[in-house]
Amino acid sequence: MPILTHSCLAGAMASTVLLHLICGVLAVLSVSLVNADDPYRYYTWTVTYGTVAPLGVPQQVILINGQFPGPRLDVVTNDNIILNLINKLDQPFLLTW
């Protein structure tokens, strides 16, 4: 069995400490590079009446922000949607998802 000298042990410890230091720096850098989106999506919709002809015959429809069909929502799973709805109809408006 070989006998380890003090200088050999010191060199092994120094390389172990250096390895741990490099791993720590890489871990900190990788965490700082993570870019997460805000899990909340904010929308303001104004609901009004309008006349459009989606099937070729003019008829009264409900518009959202002046559009029929309504605007596109760019969301992904687990996004929280905060919707500020302004109802300019002459009756209550129910919106279901």
PDB file of N, CA and C in Angstrom:
ATOM      1  N   MET A   1       0.849  -1.166   0.000  1.00  0.00           N
ATOM      2  CA  MET A   1       0.000   0.000   0.000  1.00  0.00           C
ATOM      3  C   MET A   1       0.896   1.230   0.000  1.00  0.00           C
ATOM      4  N   PRO A   2       0.615   2.184  -0.952  1.00  0.00           N
ATOM      5  CA  PRO A   2       1.459   3.375  -1.028  1.00  0.00           C
ATOM      6  C   PRO A   2       1.180   4.305   0.151  1.00  0.00           C
ATOM      7  N   ILE A   3       2.179   5.036   0.541  1.00  0.00           N
ATOM      8  CA  ILE A   3       2.074   5.987   1.635  1.00  0.00           C
ATOM      9  C   ILE A   3       1.865   7.364   1.030  1.00  0.00           C
ATOM     10  N   LEU A   4       0.798   8.050   1.467  1.00  0.00           N
ATOM     11  CA  LEU A   4       0.487   9.376   0.950  1.00  0.00           C
ATOM     12  C   LEU A   4       1.225  10.410   1.771  1.00  0.00           C
ATOM     13  N   THR A   5       1.855  11.319   1.099  1.00  0.00           N
ATOM     14  CA  THR A   5       2.591  12.376   1.794  1.00  0.00           C
ATOM     15  C   THR A   5       1.677  13.564   2.027  1.00  0.00           C
ATOM     16  N   HIS A   6       2.133  14.485   2.841  1.00  0.00           N
ATOM     17  CA  HIS A   6       1.372  15.670   3.169  1.00  0.00           C
ATOM     18  C   HIS A   6       1.098  16.510   1.913  1.00  0.00           C
ATOM     19  N   SER A   7       2.062  16.665   1.031  1.00  0.00           N
ATOM     20  CA  SER A   7       1.893  17.474  -0.178  1.00  0.00           C
ATOM     21  C   SER A   7       0.895  16.826  -1.130  1.00  0.00           C
ATOM     22  N   CYS A   8       0.860  15.493  -1.167  1.00  0.00           N
ATOM     23  CA  CYS A   8      -0.092  14.784  -2.029  1.00  0.00           C
ATOM     24  C   CYS A   8      -1.509  15.001  -1.516  1.00  0.00           C
ATOM     25  N   LEU A   9      -1.703  14.933  -0.193  1.00  0.00           N
ATOM     26  CA  LEU A   9      -3.021  15.163   0.397  1.00  0.00           C
ATOM     27  C   LEU A   9      -3.462  16.606   0.194  1.00  0.00           C
ATOM     28  N   ALA A  10      -2.550  17.547   0.332  1.00  0.00           N
ATOM     29  CA  ALA A  10      -2.877  18.958   0.151  1.00  0.00           C
ATOM     30  C   ALA A  10      -3.300  19.219  -1.297  1.00  0.00           C
ATOM     31  N   GLY A  11      -2.635  18.612  -2.242  1.00  0.00           N
ATOM     32  CA  GLY A  11      -2.997  18.779  -3.650  1.00  0.00           C
ATOM     33  C   GLY A  11      -4.369  18.201  -3.954  1.00  0.00           C
ATOM     34  N   ALA A  12      -4.675  17.042  -3.362  1.00  0.00           N
ATOM     35  CA  ALA A  12      -5.983  16.420  -3.573  1.00  0.00           C
ATOM     36  C   ALA A  12      -7.088  17.279  -2.967  1.00  0.00           C
ATOM     37  N   MET A  13      -6.849  17.852  -1.778  1.00  0.00           N
ATOM     38  CA  MET A  13      -7.838  18.709  -1.134  1.00  0.00           C
ATOM     39  C   MET A  13      -8.042  19.994  -1.932  1.00  0.00           C
ATOM     40  N   ALA A  14      -6.941  20.543  -2.456  1.00  0.00           N
ATOM     41  CA  ALA A  14      -7.045  21.775  -3.236  1.00  0.00           C
ATOM     42  C   ALA A  14      -7.864  21.548  -4.505  1.00  0.00           C
ATOM     43  N   SER A  15      -7.663  20.414  -5.160  1.00  0.00           N
ATOM     44  CA  SER A  15      -8.430  20.146  -6.382  1.00  0.00           C
ATOM     45  C   SER A  15      -9.903  19.891  -6.046  1.00  0.00           C
ATOM     46  N   THR A  16     -10.183  19.282  -4.905  1.00  0.00           N
ATOM     47  CA  THR A  16     -11.568  19.059  -4.482  1.00  0.00           C
ATOM     48  C   THR A  16     -12.252  20.389  -4.177  1.00  0.00           C
ATOM     49  N   VAL A  17     -11.552  21.275  -3.495  1.00  0.00           N
ATOM     50  CA  VAL A  17     -12.111  22.589  -3.179  1.00  0.00           C
ATOM     51  C   VAL A  17     -12.352  23.371  -4.468  1.00  0.00           C
ATOM     52  N   LEU A  18     -11.428  23.301  -5.403  1.00  0.00           N
ATOM     53  CA  LEU A  18     -11.578  23.994  -6.676  1.00  0.00           C
ATOM     54  C   LEU A  18     -12.777  23.441  -7.456  1.00  0.00           C
ATOM     55  N   LEU A  19     -12.940  22.138  -7.436  1.00  0.00           N
ATOM     56  CA  LEU A  19     -14.071  21.511  -8.117  1.00  0.00           C
ATOM     57  C   LEU A  19     -15.389  21.973  -7.506  1.00  0.00           C
ATOM     58  N   HIS A  20     -15.474  22.016  -6.181  1.00  0.00           N
ATOM     59  CA  HIS A  20     -16.685  22.488  -5.506  1.00  0.00           C
ATOM     60  C   HIS A  20     -16.945  23.967  -5.819  1.00  0.00           C
ATOM     61  N   LEU A  21     -15.899  24.759  -5.885  1.00  0.00           N
ATOM     62  CA  LEU A  21     -16.041  26.172  -6.191  1.00  0.00           C
ATOM     63  C   LEU A  21     -16.580  26.366  -7.607  1.00  0.00           C
ATOM     64  N   ILE A  22     -16.042  25.621  -8.559  1.00  0.00           N
ATOM     65  CA  ILE A  22     -16.503  25.717  -9.950  1.00  0.00           C
ATOM     66  C   ILE A  22     -17.966  25.286 -10.053  1.00  0.00           C
ATOM     67  N   CYS A  23     -18.322  24.193  -9.369  1.00  0.00           N
ATOM     68  CA  CYS A  23     -19.718  23.726  -9.388  1.00  0.00           C
ATOM     69  C   CYS A  23     -20.650  24.768  -8.770  1.00  0.00           C
ATOM     70  N   GLY A  24     -20.215  25.404  -7.703  1.00  0.00           N
ATOM     71  CA  GLY A  24     -21.030  26.438  -7.067  1.00  0.00           C
ATOM     72  C   GLY A  24     -21.243  27.637  -7.968  1.00  0.00           C
ATOM     73  N   VAL A  25     -20.172  28.080  -8.635  1.00  0.00           N
ATOM     74  CA  VAL A  25     -20.282  29.214  -9.552  1.00  0.00           C
ATOM     75  C   VAL A  25     -21.213  28.866 -10.714  1.00  0.00           C
ATOM     76  N   LEU A  26     -21.093  27.668 -11.265  1.00  0.00           N
ATOM     77  CA  LEU A  26     -21.970  27.248 -12.360  1.00  0.00           C
ATOM     78  C   LEU A  26     -23.420  27.170 -11.912  1.00  0.00           C
ATOM     79  N   ALA A  27     -23.672  26.710 -10.695  1.00  0.00           N
ATOM     80  CA  ALA A  27     -25.043  26.638 -10.180  1.00  0.00           C
ATOM     81  C   ALA A  27     -25.647  28.024 -10.038  1.00  0.00           C
ATOM     82  N   VAL A  28     -24.869  28.974  -9.524  1.00  0.00           N
ATOM     83  CA  VAL A  28     -25.362  30.345  -9.366  1.00  0.00           C
ATOM     84  C   VAL A  28     -25.639  30.973 -10.730  1.00  0.00           C
ATOM     85  N   LEU A  29     -24.748  30.750 -11.690  1.00  0.00           N
ATOM     86  CA  LEU A  29     -24.952  31.309 -13.025  1.00  0.00           C
ATOM     87  C   LEU A  29     -26.170  30.700 -13.712  1.00  0.00           C
ATOM     88  N   SER A  30     -26.381  29.402 -13.548  1.00  0.00           N
ATOM     89  CA  SER A  30     -27.522  28.772 -14.202  1.00  0.00           C
ATOM     90  C   SER A  30     -28.834  29.266 -13.611  1.00  0.00           C
ATOM     91  N   VAL A  31     -28.879  29.539 -12.324  1.00  0.00           N
ATOM     92  CA  VAL A  31     -30.093  30.066 -11.711  1.00  0.00           C
ATOM     93  C   VAL A  31     -30.340  31.491 -12.177  1.00  0.00           C
ATOM     94  N   SER A  32     -29.294  32.270 -12.328  1.00  0.00           N
ATOM     95  CA  SER A  32     -29.467  33.660 -12.748  1.00  0.00           C
ATOM     96  C   SER A  32     -29.873  33.770 -14.211  1.00  0.00           C
ATOM     97  N   LEU A  33     -29.658  32.745 -15.007  1.00  0.00           N
ATOM     98  CA  LEU A  33     -30.022  32.774 -16.417  1.00  0.00           C
ATOM     99  C   LEU A  33     -31.448  32.310 -16.675  1.00  0.00           C
ATOM    100  N   VAL A  34     -32.128  31.785 -15.656  1.00  0.00           N
ATOM    101  CA  VAL A  34     -33.500  31.320 -15.818  1.00  0.00           C
ATOM    102  C   VAL A  34     -34.402  32.530 -16.012  1.00  0.00           C
ATOM    103  N   ASN A  35     -35.226  32.484 -17.052  1.00  0.00           N
ATOM    104  CA  ASN A  35     -36.120  33.598 -17.359  1.00  0.00           C
ATOM    105  C   ASN A  35     -37.544  33.057 -17.384  1.00  0.00           C
ATOM    106  N   ALA A  36     -38.321  33.373 -16.366  1.00  0.00           N
ATOM    107  CA  ALA A  36     -39.693  32.887 -16.291  1.00  0.00           C
ATOM    108  C   ALA A  36     -40.659  34.018 -16.593  1.00  0.00           C
ATOM    109  N   ASP A  37     -41.717  33.695 -17.321  1.00  0.00           N
ATOM    110  CA  ASP A  37     -42.750  34.680 -17.618  1.00  0.00           C
ATOM    111  C   ASP A  37     -43.632  34.904 -16.401  1.00  0.00           C
ATOM    112  N   ASP A  38     -44.290  36.034 -16.412  1.00  0.00           N
ATOM    113  CA  ASP A  38     -45.273  36.344 -15.385  1.00  0.00           C
ATOM    114  C   ASP A  38     -46.451  35.383 -15.568  1.00  0.00           C
ATOM    115  N   PRO A  39     -46.864  34.663 -14.517  1.00  0.00           N
ATOM    116  CA  PRO A  39     -47.964  33.710 -14.688  1.00  0.00           C
ATOM    117  C   PRO A  39     -49.327  34.390 -14.799  1.00  0.00           C
ATOM    118  N   TYR A  40     -49.358  35.715 -14.818  1.00  0.00           N
ATOM    119  CA  TYR A  40     -50.613  36.452 -14.932  1.00  0.00           C
ATOM    120  C   TYR A  40     -50.699  37.127 -16.296  1.00  0.00           C
ATOM    121  N   ARG A  41     -51.868  37.030 -16.911  1.00  0.00           N
ATOM    122  CA  ARG A  41     -52.138  37.691 -18.183  1.00  0.00           C
ATOM    123  C   ARG A  41     -53.304  38.645 -17.951  1.00  0.00           C
ATOM    124  N   TYR A  42     -53.118  39.907 -18.310  1.00  0.00           N
ATOM    125  CA  TYR A  42     -54.109  40.943 -18.056  1.00  0.00           C
ATOM    126  C   TYR A  42     -54.787  41.351 -19.364  1.00  0.00           C
ATOM    127  N   TYR A  43     -56.113  41.375 -19.345  1.00  0.00           N
ATOM    128  CA  TYR A  43     -56.891  41.768 -20.514  1.00  0.00           C
ATOM    129  C   TYR A  43     -57.992  42.726 -20.088  1.00  0.00           C
ATOM    130  N   THR A  44     -58.323  43.667 -20.959  1.00  0.00           N
ATOM    131  CA  THR A  44     -59.482  44.535 -20.776  1.00  0.00           C
ATOM    132  C   THR A  44     -60.366  44.370 -21.999  1.00  0.00           C
ATOM    133  N   TRP A  45     -61.589  43.946 -21.763  1.00  0.00           N
ATOM    134  CA  TRP A  45     -62.548  43.735 -22.842  1.00  0.00           C
ATOM    135  C   TRP A  45     -63.726  44.670 -22.669  1.00  0.00           C
ATOM    136  N   THR A  46     -64.154  45.292 -23.755  1.00  0.00           N
ATOM    137  CA  THR A  46     -65.369  46.088 -23.778  1.00  0.00           C
ATOM    138  C   THR A  46     -66.381  45.338 -24.629  1.00  0.00           C
ATOM    139  N   VAL A  47     -67.535  45.040 -24.037  1.00  0.00           N
ATOM    140  CA  VAL A  47     -68.575  44.250 -24.704  1.00  0.00           C
ATOM    141  C   VAL A  47     -69.669  45.197 -25.196  1.00  0.00           C
ATOM    142  N   THR A  48     -69.954  45.147 -26.506  1.00  0.00           N
ATOM    143  CA  THR A  48     -70.976  45.998 -27.125  1.00  0.00           C
ATOM    144  C   THR A  48     -71.778  45.184 -28.131  1.00  0.00           C
ATOM    145  N   TYR A  49     -72.847  45.798 -28.632  1.00  0.00           N
ATOM    146  CA  TYR A  49     -73.593  45.218 -29.747  1.00  0.00           C
ATOM    147  C   TYR A  49     -73.022  45.745 -31.049  1.00  0.00           C
ATOM    148  N   GLY A  50     -73.190  44.963 -32.100  1.00  0.00           N
ATOM    149  CA  GLY A  50     -72.780  45.388 -33.430  1.00  0.00           C
ATOM    150  C   GLY A  50     -73.496  44.568 -34.478  1.00  0.00           C
ATOM    151  N   THR A  51     -73.419  44.995 -35.703  1.00  0.00           N
ATOM    152  CA  THR A  51     -74.042  44.260 -36.806  1.00  0.00           C
ATOM    153  C   THR A  51     -72.947  43.730 -37.718  1.00  0.00           C
ATOM    154  N   VAL A  52     -72.957  42.421 -37.899  1.00  0.00           N
ATOM    155  CA  VAL A  52     -72.021  41.771 -38.827  1.00  0.00           C
ATOM    156  C   VAL A  52     -72.799  40.727 -39.615  1.00  0.00           C
ATOM    157  N   ALA A  53     -72.173  40.202 -40.644  1.00  0.00           N
ATOM    158  CA  ALA A  53     -72.806  39.180 -41.474  1.00  0.00           C
ATOM    159  C   ALA A  53     -71.901  37.954 -41.549  1.00  0.00           C
ATOM    160  N   PRO A  54     -71.781  37.190 -40.443  1.00  0.00           N
ATOM    161  CA  PRO A  54     -70.878  36.032 -40.474  1.00  0.00           C
ATOM    162  C   PRO A  54     -71.331  34.933 -41.433  1.00  0.00           C
ATOM    163  N   LEU A  55     -72.637  34.859 -41.703  1.00  0.00           N
ATOM    164  CA  LEU A  55     -73.154  33.844 -42.630  1.00  0.00           C
ATOM    165  C   LEU A  55     -73.742  34.480 -43.892  1.00  0.00           C
ATOM    166  N   GLY A  56     -73.387  35.733 -44.138  1.00  0.00           N
ATOM    167  CA  GLY A  56     -73.882  36.414 -45.336  1.00  0.00           C
ATOM    168  C   GLY A  56     -75.137  37.233 -45.088  1.00  0.00           C
ATOM    169  N   VAL A  57     -75.763  37.086 -43.936  1.00  0.00           N
ATOM    170  CA  VAL A  57     -76.975  37.830 -43.606  1.00  0.00           C
ATOM    171  C   VAL A  57     -76.658  38.741 -42.429  1.00  0.00           C
ATOM    172  N   PRO A  58     -76.831  40.059 -42.569  1.00  0.00           N
ATOM    173  CA  PRO A  58     -76.538  40.959 -41.456  1.00  0.00           C
ATOM    174  C   PRO A  58     -77.407  40.638 -40.237  1.00  0.00           C
ATOM    175  N   GLN A  59     -76.772  40.608 -39.075  1.00  0.00           N
ATOM    176  CA  GLN A  59     -77.503  40.357 -37.831  1.00  0.00           C
ATOM    177  C   GLN A  59     -76.776  41.002 -36.669  1.00  0.00           C
ATOM    178  N   GLN A  60     -77.533  41.233 -35.598  1.00  0.00           N
ATOM    179  CA  GLN A  60     -76.944  41.835 -34.406  1.00  0.00           C
ATOM    180  C   GLN A  60     -76.203  40.752 -33.621  1.00  0.00           C
ATOM    181  N   VAL A  61     -74.952  41.076 -33.246  1.00  0.00           N
ATOM    182  CA  VAL A  61     -74.119  40.145 -32.468  1.00  0.00           C
ATOM    183  C   VAL A  61     -73.469  40.907 -31.317  1.00  0.00           C
ATOM    184  N   ILE A  62     -72.891  40.161 -30.426  1.00  0.00           N
ATOM    185  CA  ILE A  62     -72.126  40.760 -29.335  1.00  0.00           C
ATOM    186  C   ILE A  62     -70.669  40.831 -29.774  1.00  0.00           C
ATOM    187  N   LEU A  63     -70.091  42.028 -29.668  1.00  0.00           N
ATOM    188  CA  LEU A  63     -68.703  42.258 -30.047  1.00  0.00           C
ATOM    189  C   LEU A  63     -67.848  42.395 -28.789  1.00  0.00           C
ATOM    190  N   ILE A  64     -66.649  41.910 -28.847  1.00  0.00           N
ATOM    191  CA  ILE A  64     -65.676  42.117 -27.778  1.00  0.00           C
ATOM    192  C   ILE A  64     -64.542  42.938 -28.374  1.00  0.00           C
ATOM    193  N   ASN A  65     -64.359  44.131 -27.830  1.00  0.00           N
ATOM    194  CA  ASN A  65     -63.391  45.096 -28.363  1.00  0.00           C
ATOM    195  C   ASN A  65     -63.627  45.356 -29.849  1.00  0.00           C
ATOM    196  N   GLY A  66     -64.915  45.365 -30.244  1.00  0.00           N
ATOM    197  CA  GLY A  66     -65.276  45.638 -31.631  1.00  0.00           C
ATOM    198  C   GLY A  66     -65.029  44.484 -32.576  1.00  0.00           C
ATOM    199  N   GLN A  67     -64.762  43.297 -32.062  1.00  0.00           N
ATOM    200  CA  GLN A  67     -64.429  42.146 -32.904  1.00  0.00           C
ATOM    201  C   GLN A  67     -65.449  41.025 -32.739  1.00  0.00           C
ATOM    202  N   PHE A  68     -65.720  40.336 -33.841  1.00  0.00           N
ATOM    203  CA  PHE A  68     -66.497  39.099 -33.809  1.00  0.00           C
ATOM    204  C   PHE A  68     -65.835  38.123 -34.757  1.00  0.00           C
ATOM    205  N   PRO A  69     -65.400  36.975 -34.327  1.00  0.00           N
ATOM    206  CA  PRO A  69     -65.343  36.557 -32.927  1.00  0.00           C
ATOM    207  C   PRO A  69     -64.373  37.417 -32.124  1.00  0.00           C
ATOM    208  N   GLY A  70     -64.383  37.238 -30.829  1.00  0.00           N
ATOM    209  CA  GLY A  70     -63.577  38.064 -29.932  1.00  0.00           C
ATOM    210  C   GLY A  70     -62.080  37.906 -30.134  1.00  0.00           C
ATOM    211  N   PRO A  71     -61.292  38.683 -29.385  1.00  0.00           N
ATOM    212  CA  PRO A  71     -59.832  38.656 -29.536  1.00  0.00           C
ATOM    213  C   PRO A  71     -59.222  37.333 -29.086  1.00  0.00           C
ATOM    214  N   ARG A  72     -58.057  37.066 -29.607  1.00  0.00           N
ATOM    215  CA  ARG A  72     -57.312  35.850 -29.272  1.00  0.00           C
ATOM    216  C   ARG A  72     -56.595  36.028 -27.940  1.00  0.00           C
ATOM    217  N   LEU A  73     -56.626  34.997 -27.124  1.00  0.00           N
ATOM    218  CA  LEU A  73     -55.896  34.994 -25.857  1.00  0.00           C
ATOM    219  C   LEU A  73     -54.621  34.184 -26.032  1.00  0.00           C
ATOM    220  N   ASP A  74     -53.480  34.804 -25.819  1.00  0.00           N
ATOM    221  CA  ASP A  74     -52.206  34.091 -25.896  1.00  0.00           C
ATOM    222  C   ASP A  74     -51.802  33.678 -24.491  1.00  0.00           C
ATOM    223  N   VAL A  75     -52.224  32.487 -24.096  1.00  0.00           N
ATOM    224  CA  VAL A  75     -51.947  31.963 -22.753  1.00  0.00           C
ATOM    225  C   VAL A  75     -51.496  30.519 -22.864  1.00  0.00           C
ATOM    226  N   VAL A  76     -50.907  30.029 -21.783  1.00  0.00           N
ATOM    227  CA  VAL A  76     -50.509  28.626 -21.702  1.00  0.00           C
ATOM    228  C   VAL A  76     -51.079  28.042 -20.421  1.00  0.00           C
ATOM    229  N   THR A  77     -50.949  26.753 -20.274  1.00  0.00           N
ATOM    230  CA  THR A  77     -51.437  26.070 -19.088  1.00  0.00           C
ATOM    231  C   THR A  77     -50.864  26.707 -17.832  1.00  0.00           C
ATOM    232  N   ASN A  78     -51.701  26.871 -16.839  1.00  0.00           N
ATOM    233  CA  ASN A  78     -51.367  27.427 -15.521  1.00  0.00           C
ATOM    234  C   ASN A  78     -51.198  28.945 -15.509  1.00  0.00           C
ATOM    235  N   ASP A  79     -51.472  29.631 -16.613  1.00  0.00           N
ATOM    236  CA  ASP A  79     -51.510  31.091 -16.575  1.00  0.00           C
ATOM    237  C   ASP A  79     -52.761  31.522 -15.819  1.00  0.00           C
ATOM    238  N   ASN A  80     -52.660  32.583 -15.082  1.00  0.00           N
ATOM    239  CA  ASN A  80     -53.800  33.183 -14.404  1.00  0.00           C
ATOM    240  C   ASN A  80     -54.273  34.349 -15.254  1.00  0.00           C
ATOM    241  N   ILE A  81     -55.564  34.369 -15.579  1.00  0.00           N
ATOM    242  CA  ILE A  81     -56.117  35.410 -16.429  1.00  0.00           C
ATOM    243  C   ILE A  81     -56.865  36.407 -15.564  1.00  0.00           C
ATOM    244  N   ILE A  82     -56.461  37.666 -15.665  1.00  0.00           N
ATOM    245  CA  ILE A  82     -57.148  38.758 -14.988  1.00  0.00           C
ATOM    246  C   ILE A  82     -57.879  39.537 -16.078  1.00  0.00           C
ATOM    247  N   LEU A  83     -59.212  39.468 -16.054  1.00  0.00           N
ATOM    248  CA  LEU A  83     -60.014  40.073 -17.108  1.00  0.00           C
ATOM    249  C   LEU A  83     -60.835  41.222 -16.538  1.00  0.00           C
ATOM    250  N   ASN A  84     -60.603  42.410 -17.057  1.00  0.00           N
ATOM    251  CA  ASN A  84     -61.399  43.583 -16.708  1.00  0.00           C
ATOM    252  C   ASN A  84     -62.449  43.728 -17.798  1.00  0.00           C
ATOM    253  N   LEU A  85     -63.696  43.415 -17.474  1.00  0.00           N
ATOM    254  CA  LEU A  85     -64.765  43.402 -18.462  1.00  0.00           C
ATOM    255  C   LEU A  85     -65.629  44.640 -18.293  1.00  0.00           C
ATOM    256  N   ILE A  86     -65.791  45.408 -19.372  1.00  0.00           N
ATOM    257  CA  ILE A  86     -66.646  46.588 -19.379  1.00  0.00           C
ATOM    258  C   ILE A  86     -67.883  46.235 -20.199  1.00  0.00           C
ATOM    259  N   ASN A  87     -69.031  46.144 -19.530  1.00  0.00           N
ATOM    260  CA  ASN A  87     -70.271  45.726 -20.179  1.00  0.00           C
ATOM    261  C   ASN A  87     -71.050  46.960 -20.617  1.00  0.00           C
ATOM    262  N   LYS A  88     -71.115  47.183 -21.931  1.00  0.00           N
ATOM    263  CA  LYS A  88     -71.897  48.293 -22.476  1.00  0.00           C
ATOM    264  C   LYS A  88     -73.187  47.794 -23.124  1.00  0.00           C
ATOM    265  N   LEU A  89     -73.588  46.591 -22.773  1.00  0.00           N
ATOM    266  CA  LEU A  89     -74.852  46.040 -23.248  1.00  0.00           C
ATOM    267  C   LEU A  89     -75.976  46.581 -22.376  1.00  0.00           C
ATOM    268  N   ASP A  90     -77.216  46.407 -22.822  1.00  0.00           N
ATOM    269  CA  ASP A  90     -78.356  46.840 -22.024  1.00  0.00           C
ATOM    270  C   ASP A  90     -78.890  45.712 -21.139  1.00  0.00           C
ATOM    271  N   GLN A  91     -78.098  44.666 -20.983  1.00  0.00           N
ATOM    272  CA  GLN A  91     -78.468  43.523 -20.138  1.00  0.00           C
ATOM    273  C   GLN A  91     -77.203  42.920 -19.547  1.00  0.00           C
ATOM    274  N   PRO A  92     -77.334  42.080 -18.512  1.00  0.00           N
ATOM    275  CA  PRO A  92     -76.145  41.438 -17.934  1.00  0.00           C
ATOM    276  C   PRO A  92     -75.459  40.541 -18.949  1.00  0.00           C
ATOM    277  N   PHE A  93     -74.174  40.370 -18.786  1.00  0.00           N
ATOM    278  CA  PHE A  93     -73.367  39.554 -19.702  1.00  0.00           C
ATOM    279  C   PHE A  93     -72.704  38.452 -18.915  1.00  0.00           C
ATOM    280  N   LEU A  94     -72.919  37.200 -19.325  1.00  0.00           N
ATOM    281  CA  LEU A  94     -72.307  36.050 -18.662  1.00  0.00           C
ATOM    282  C   LEU A  94     -71.218  35.493 -19.572  1.00  0.00           C
ATOM    283  N   LEU A  95     -70.037  35.315 -19.000  1.00  0.00           N
ATOM    284  CA  LEU A  95     -68.910  34.769 -19.749  1.00  0.00           C
ATOM    285  C   LEU A  95     -68.447  33.511 -19.039  1.00  0.00           C
ATOM    286  N   THR A  96     -68.384  32.406 -19.766  1.00  0.00           N
ATOM    287  CA  THR A  96     -67.881  31.152 -19.176  1.00  0.00           C
ATOM    288  C   THR A  96     -66.695  30.678 -19.981  1.00  0.00           C
ATOM    289  N   TRP A  97     -65.825  29.928 -19.334  1.00  0.00           N
ATOM    290  CA  TRP A  97     -64.610  29.435 -19.981  1.00  0.00           C
ATOM    291  C   TRP A  97     -64.766  27.960 -20.253  1.00  0.00           C
TER     292      TRP A  97
END
